[in-house]
Structures are given as structure tokens and as C-alpha cells.
Amino acid sequence: MRATLLRDVRTQYANPIGFHRGDVVQLGERDTEWPAFAWTTTADGNAGWAPADWLRPLGDGTAEALRDYTARELDGGAGDTVELIDELGGWWWSRAADGREGWLPANALRIEPTPKGQKLSLAAKLAGFSEHWSPRVVAEMNDVQFKLAKLSGEFVWHAHADTDEVFIVVAGTLRMRFRDREERLGAGEMIVVPRGVEHCPVADDECHVMLVEPRGVVNTGDAGGALTAANDVWA
């Protein structure tokens, strides 16, 4: 999978932290901006952010590394194309055209659409954006679009007069409110909202869904308003 840098990115740390599986490190606070990472200090005194899920706390302020890691970031300029290898907490381990490898923030990347006939990763597509209630197209079949969206909180009551709408829950829990009842969906479950029926999606905690609907459908339907998202935005 390939992506294009949207802006210049420069390494923030001249001596990035790194460790090997089995190493014991000092474990500090979580990063407020990137909560998947914790402040970590290695035996040689080098410190930096490391993925918390790759560290097993030992109960005395230390942790054991579960796998090899380096915090090396990748320098690049706007317009550069990179190969995406692995995603972690809003960052991509990437390979530049000259073979250099390192981490790049997902919010600095535009992931190129996956050609038909090639597999795509829903997790990878979801990692490429953070906005709520802003669907991203990931594929098309004839005039039907497959969109991914991150939901949080309560949406607006609305209906789509001309089409049914499919919600498939990828992660989290979705409450689909109707005027006379409510359906609760978990990961791996789906619902077809009939055309013309008022509904209001609610996600008490962040929820990831796939939408299946004809090209051109507006997310707020007949309601409009501040949560109306642009159409045909690809992830």
C-alpha cells in the first residue's frame, strides 16, 4: 500500500529510543496526544515514546519488552510517495523511495486508493483519518460505494428518501435509534435502514462502521446541518 506525504515531515529526535525483545525498561506516563505510546527509558539512559502494548509491566515501575522496537522517524517532503508497511497508534512504519525506513504520522499521509482486484486493509484505511462523522470511500462496485466512518456521540435525526442504507459495525458498539425503538449492534453485526425511515446513529464510545450506499448519498440526508460531510472523499 502506498501513500503521499501531505506536508514536510522532519525527525523530532536525534537519538531515537530503541530496545530488543526481553529488555527491561523504565515505564513512565502515557502520551496525551498519542495515547498508544508511553514514555520509556532504556538501561543506557536513552528515553522516548514507545508503544505501551509492546511492554509488559513488571509492577515496580519497569516493563519487559515483548518485541523489538525503534522510534526512528522518517524525513520526507510534501508530495513524496512512500510504501506503508505497518500501522501503530496513528503512525505508519514506512519505506521511502531510496530505501530509508521509519515512522510517519498517519495524519501527514494520503493513502492512495486501492485498485480493483487488489486486497485492502480496513484497519489501514481507518488509521488514515481521525475525524468523526466524516465517511471515507474505500471502494466502489458499479454505482455503490463502500465507506468507512468513525462515530462518536449522537448524530442527527434524518432519513434518505431514495435509498436504503447499510451499517456494518467494524469495531465498538452502535446504537441505531428509530422513532419507535432502538437496535444495538456490536462488531460483526449489521443493519439495513430502509429508505425514508428516520434514524439517528449513536456511539457512546468511538465506533467504526462500514457504510454501503449509492454514490452521492449525503450523510445527513434530508436534515443537513453542521455535520454534513463532503462526498467522494477517499481514504
Protein backbone atom coordinates (compact mmCIF):
# COMPACT_ATOMS: atom_id res chain seq x y z
CA MET A 1 0.00 0.00 0.00
CA ARG A 2 1.30 3.42 -0.94
CA ALA A 3 0.70 6.94 0.34
CA THR A 4 1.69 10.51 -0.47
CA LEU A 5 3.01 12.95 2.11
CA LEU A 6 0.69 15.93 2.54
CA ARG A 7 3.35 18.11 4.20
CA ASP A 8 7.03 18.17 5.08
CA VAL A 9 7.93 15.88 7.99
CA ARG A 10 11.18 16.14 9.92
CA THR A 11 12.61 13.88 12.61
CA GLN A 12 12.00 15.25 16.12
CA TYR A 13 14.59 13.14 17.96
CA ALA A 14 18.27 12.93 17.02
CA ASN A 15 18.78 9.79 19.13
CA PRO A 16 15.52 7.80 18.97
CA ILE A 17 14.85 5.21 21.62
CA GLY A 18 15.11 1.53 20.74
CA PHE A 19 15.07 -1.82 22.52
CA HIS A 20 15.00 -5.55 21.89
CA ARG A 21 12.57 -8.21 22.98
CA GLY A 22 13.29 -9.20 26.58
CA ASP A 23 14.92 -5.90 27.56
CA VAL A 24 13.76 -4.35 30.84
CA VAL A 25 12.93 -0.62 30.64
CA GLN A 26 11.60 2.09 32.94
CA LEU A 27 7.94 2.81 32.21
CA GLY A 28 6.54 6.35 32.54
CA GLU A 29 3.39 8.26 31.67
CA ARG A 30 1.18 7.85 28.63
CA ASP A 31 1.33 10.40 25.83
CA THR A 32 -1.79 12.60 25.85
CA GLU A 33 -1.62 13.26 22.09
CA TRP A 34 -0.71 9.70 21.09
CA PRO A 35 -2.23 7.50 23.88
CA ALA A 36 -0.90 4.27 22.38
CA PHE A 37 2.59 5.35 23.49
CA ALA A 38 4.27 5.63 26.91
CA TRP A 39 7.42 7.47 27.98
CA THR A 40 10.12 4.82 28.24
CA THR A 41 13.74 4.85 29.43
CA THR A 42 16.20 2.14 28.43
CA ALA A 43 19.06 0.78 30.51
CA ASP A 44 21.56 3.13 28.85
CA GLY A 45 19.51 6.19 29.88
CA ASN A 46 18.02 6.94 26.48
CA ALA A 47 14.35 7.97 26.73
CA GLY A 48 11.46 8.42 24.35
CA TRP A 49 7.98 7.28 23.40
CA ALA A 50 7.36 3.57 22.87
CA PRO A 51 4.17 1.54 22.21
CA ALA A 52 2.61 0.65 25.55
CA ASP A 53 1.11 -2.59 24.21
CA TRP A 54 4.61 -3.83 23.38
CA LEU A 55 5.65 -3.56 27.03
CA ARG A 56 4.64 -5.90 29.89
CA PRO A 57 4.59 -4.05 33.22
CA LEU A 58 6.53 -5.84 35.95
CA GLY A 59 4.88 -4.00 38.84
CA ASP A 60 7.87 -1.98 40.05
CA GLY A 61 7.86 0.85 37.52
CA THR A 62 9.64 -1.27 34.95
CA ALA A 63 8.41 -3.29 31.98
CA GLU A 64 9.66 -6.10 29.78
CA ALA A 65 9.78 -5.51 26.02
CA LEU A 66 7.63 -8.01 24.14
CA ARG A 67 9.23 -7.30 20.76
CA ASP A 68 11.97 -5.27 19.08
CA TYR A 69 11.26 -1.57 18.59
CA THR A 70 12.85 1.60 17.29
CA ALA A 71 11.32 5.08 17.43
CA ARG A 72 13.20 6.17 14.33
CA GLU A 73 11.12 8.61 12.30
CA LEU A 74 11.33 9.16 8.56
CA ASP A 75 12.11 12.53 7.00
CA GLY A 76 10.13 13.42 3.89
CA GLY A 77 8.79 16.28 1.83
CA ALA A 78 5.29 17.16 0.67
CA GLY A 79 4.47 15.12 -2.43
CA ASP A 80 6.88 12.29 -1.64
CA THR A 81 5.48 8.79 -2.16
CA VAL A 82 6.15 6.09 0.45
CA GLU A 83 5.31 2.44 0.94
CA LEU A 84 3.26 1.72 4.07
CA ILE A 85 4.37 -1.37 5.97
CA ASP A 86 2.83 -1.42 9.46
CA GLU A 87 0.43 0.83 11.42
CA LEU A 88 0.70 1.57 15.14
CA GLY A 89 -1.27 4.08 17.19
CA GLY A 90 -1.72 6.65 14.44
CA TRP A 91 1.76 6.16 12.93
CA TRP A 92 2.93 4.17 9.91
CA TRP A 93 6.24 2.34 9.58
CA SER A 94 7.10 3.46 6.05
CA ARG A 95 9.72 2.96 3.36
CA ALA A 96 10.88 5.85 1.18
CA ALA A 97 11.82 5.52 -2.49
CA ASP A 98 15.53 5.48 -1.55
CA GLY A 99 15.04 2.56 0.87
CA ARG A 100 15.09 4.53 4.14
CA GLU A 101 12.56 3.32 6.73
CA GLY A 102 10.95 4.93 9.75
CA TRP A 103 7.71 6.14 11.33
CA LEU A 104 5.42 8.76 9.76
CA PRO A 105 2.27 10.22 11.35
CA ALA A 106 -0.91 8.97 9.67
CA ASN A 107 -2.35 12.49 9.60
CA ALA A 108 0.51 13.57 7.30
CA LEU A 109 -0.32 10.88 4.71
CA ARG A 110 -2.89 10.50 1.95
CA ILE A 111 -3.32 6.80 1.32
CA GLU A 112 -3.72 6.06 -2.39
CA PRO A 113 -6.94 4.28 -3.44
CA THR A 114 -6.54 0.53 -3.73
CA PRO A 115 -7.05 -0.63 -7.35
CA LYS A 116 -9.87 -3.07 -8.00
CA GLY A 117 -8.65 -6.65 -7.91
CA GLN A 118 -6.24 -5.98 -5.04
CA LYS A 119 -6.98 -6.61 -1.36
CA LEU A 120 -7.21 -3.71 1.06
CA SER A 121 -6.96 -3.46 4.84
CA LEU A 122 -9.86 -1.87 6.70
CA ALA A 123 -7.58 -1.25 9.70
CA ALA A 124 -5.07 0.52 7.47
CA LYS A 125 -7.75 2.71 5.93
CA LEU A 126 -9.18 3.58 9.35
CA ALA A 127 -5.73 4.54 10.58
CA GLY A 128 -5.52 7.19 7.89
CA PHE A 129 -8.11 9.58 9.36
CA SER A 130 -9.44 10.64 12.76
CA GLU A 131 -12.47 12.84 12.05
CA HIS A 132 -15.84 11.70 13.38
CA TRP A 133 -18.98 11.55 11.22
CA SER A 134 -16.90 12.06 8.08
CA PRO A 135 -17.19 8.95 5.88
CA ARG A 136 -14.28 7.96 3.65
CA VAL A 137 -14.79 5.95 0.46
CA VAL A 138 -12.58 2.85 0.30
CA ALA A 139 -14.05 1.04 -2.72
CA GLU A 140 -16.75 1.16 -5.38
CA MET A 141 -18.82 -1.53 -7.07
CA ASN A 142 -20.76 -0.20 -10.04
CA ASP A 143 -22.62 2.80 -8.56
CA VAL A 144 -22.36 1.58 -4.95
CA GLN A 145 -19.75 2.96 -2.56
CA PHE A 146 -18.21 1.26 0.47
CA LYS A 147 -17.33 3.86 3.10
CA LEU A 148 -15.61 3.74 6.47
CA ALA A 149 -16.55 6.15 9.24
CA LYS A 150 -15.57 6.82 12.82
CA LEU A 151 -18.54 7.71 15.00
CA SER A 152 -18.63 9.31 18.44
CA GLY A 153 -21.58 10.82 20.27
CA GLU A 154 -25.01 11.37 18.76
CA PHE A 155 -25.68 12.18 15.10
CA VAL A 156 -28.77 13.99 13.75
CA TRP A 157 -32.19 12.56 13.08
CA HIS A 158 -32.51 12.16 9.33
CA ALA A 159 -33.81 9.98 6.50
CA HIS A 160 -32.75 9.11 2.96
CA ALA A 161 -35.79 9.36 0.71
CA ASP A 162 -34.35 7.47 -2.26
CA THR A 163 -32.22 4.66 -0.88
CA ASP A 164 -31.72 2.07 1.82
CA GLU A 165 -28.51 2.42 3.84
CA VAL A 166 -26.32 -0.36 5.28
CA PHE A 167 -24.31 -0.03 8.51
CA ILE A 168 -21.75 -2.77 9.29
CA VAL A 169 -20.00 -2.40 12.66
CA VAL A 170 -16.26 -3.00 12.37
CA ALA A 171 -15.32 -2.10 15.96
CA GLY A 172 -17.15 -0.82 19.03
CA THR A 173 -20.88 -0.56 19.64
CA LEU A 174 -23.50 1.33 17.64
CA ARG A 175 -26.98 2.25 18.82
CA MET A 176 -29.33 2.83 15.91
CA ARG A 177 -32.30 4.83 17.14
CA PHE A 178 -35.64 4.78 15.34
CA ARG A 179 -38.67 6.79 16.37
CA ASP A 180 -40.32 3.74 17.93
CA ARG A 181 -37.35 1.60 19.06
CA GLU A 182 -33.59 1.16 19.20
CA GLU A 183 -31.26 -1.52 17.81
CA ARG A 184 -27.88 -2.16 19.46
CA LEU A 185 -25.11 -3.53 17.23
CA GLY A 186 -21.69 -4.89 18.10
CA ALA A 187 -18.65 -5.68 15.98
CA GLY A 188 -19.53 -8.06 13.15
CA GLU A 189 -23.22 -7.09 13.10
CA MET A 190 -25.08 -5.02 10.52
CA ILE A 191 -28.38 -3.32 9.89
CA VAL A 192 -30.20 -2.13 6.77
CA VAL A 193 -32.02 1.15 7.34
CA PRO A 194 -34.98 1.31 4.92
CA ARG A 195 -35.36 4.28 2.63
CA GLY A 196 -37.48 7.08 4.01
CA VAL A 197 -37.19 5.89 7.64
CA GLU A 198 -35.94 8.40 10.19
CA HIS A 199 -32.98 7.20 12.19
CA CYS A 200 -30.24 8.54 14.44
CA PRO A 201 -26.92 6.69 14.92
CA VAL A 202 -25.37 6.99 18.40
CA ALA A 203 -21.92 5.86 19.57
CA ASP A 204 -21.41 6.25 23.32
CA ASP A 205 -17.73 5.45 22.74
CA GLU A 206 -15.89 5.67 19.43
CA CYS A 207 -17.28 3.17 16.95
CA HIS A 208 -16.02 2.22 13.48
CA VAL A 209 -18.52 1.30 10.78
CA MET A 210 -18.69 0.48 7.11
CA LEU A 211 -21.47 2.13 5.13
CA VAL A 212 -22.76 0.66 1.89
CA GLU A 213 -24.83 3.06 -0.21
CA PRO A 214 -25.15 4.52 -3.71
CA ARG A 215 -22.65 7.14 -4.85
CA GLY A 216 -23.70 10.68 -3.96
CA VAL A 217 -25.66 9.95 -0.77
CA VAL A 218 -25.31 12.82 1.74
CA ASN A 219 -24.58 11.60 5.26
CA THR A 220 -27.16 13.87 6.92
CA GLY A 221 -29.87 13.03 4.38
CA ASP A 222 -32.79 15.44 4.50
CA ALA A 223 -31.60 17.12 7.71
CA GLY A 224 -28.48 18.95 6.56
CA GLY A 225 -26.61 20.99 9.15
CA ALA A 226 -23.11 21.28 10.59
CA LEU A 227 -22.40 17.54 10.47
CA THR A 228 -22.89 17.30 6.71
CA ALA A 229 -19.69 15.82 5.27
CA ALA A 230 -18.17 16.24 1.83
CA ASN A 231 -18.94 13.49 -0.66
CA ASP A 232 -16.48 11.25 -2.52
CA VAL A 233 -13.61 11.74 -0.08
CA TRP A 234 -11.36 8.68 -0.35
CA ALA A 235 -9.30 7.07 2.38
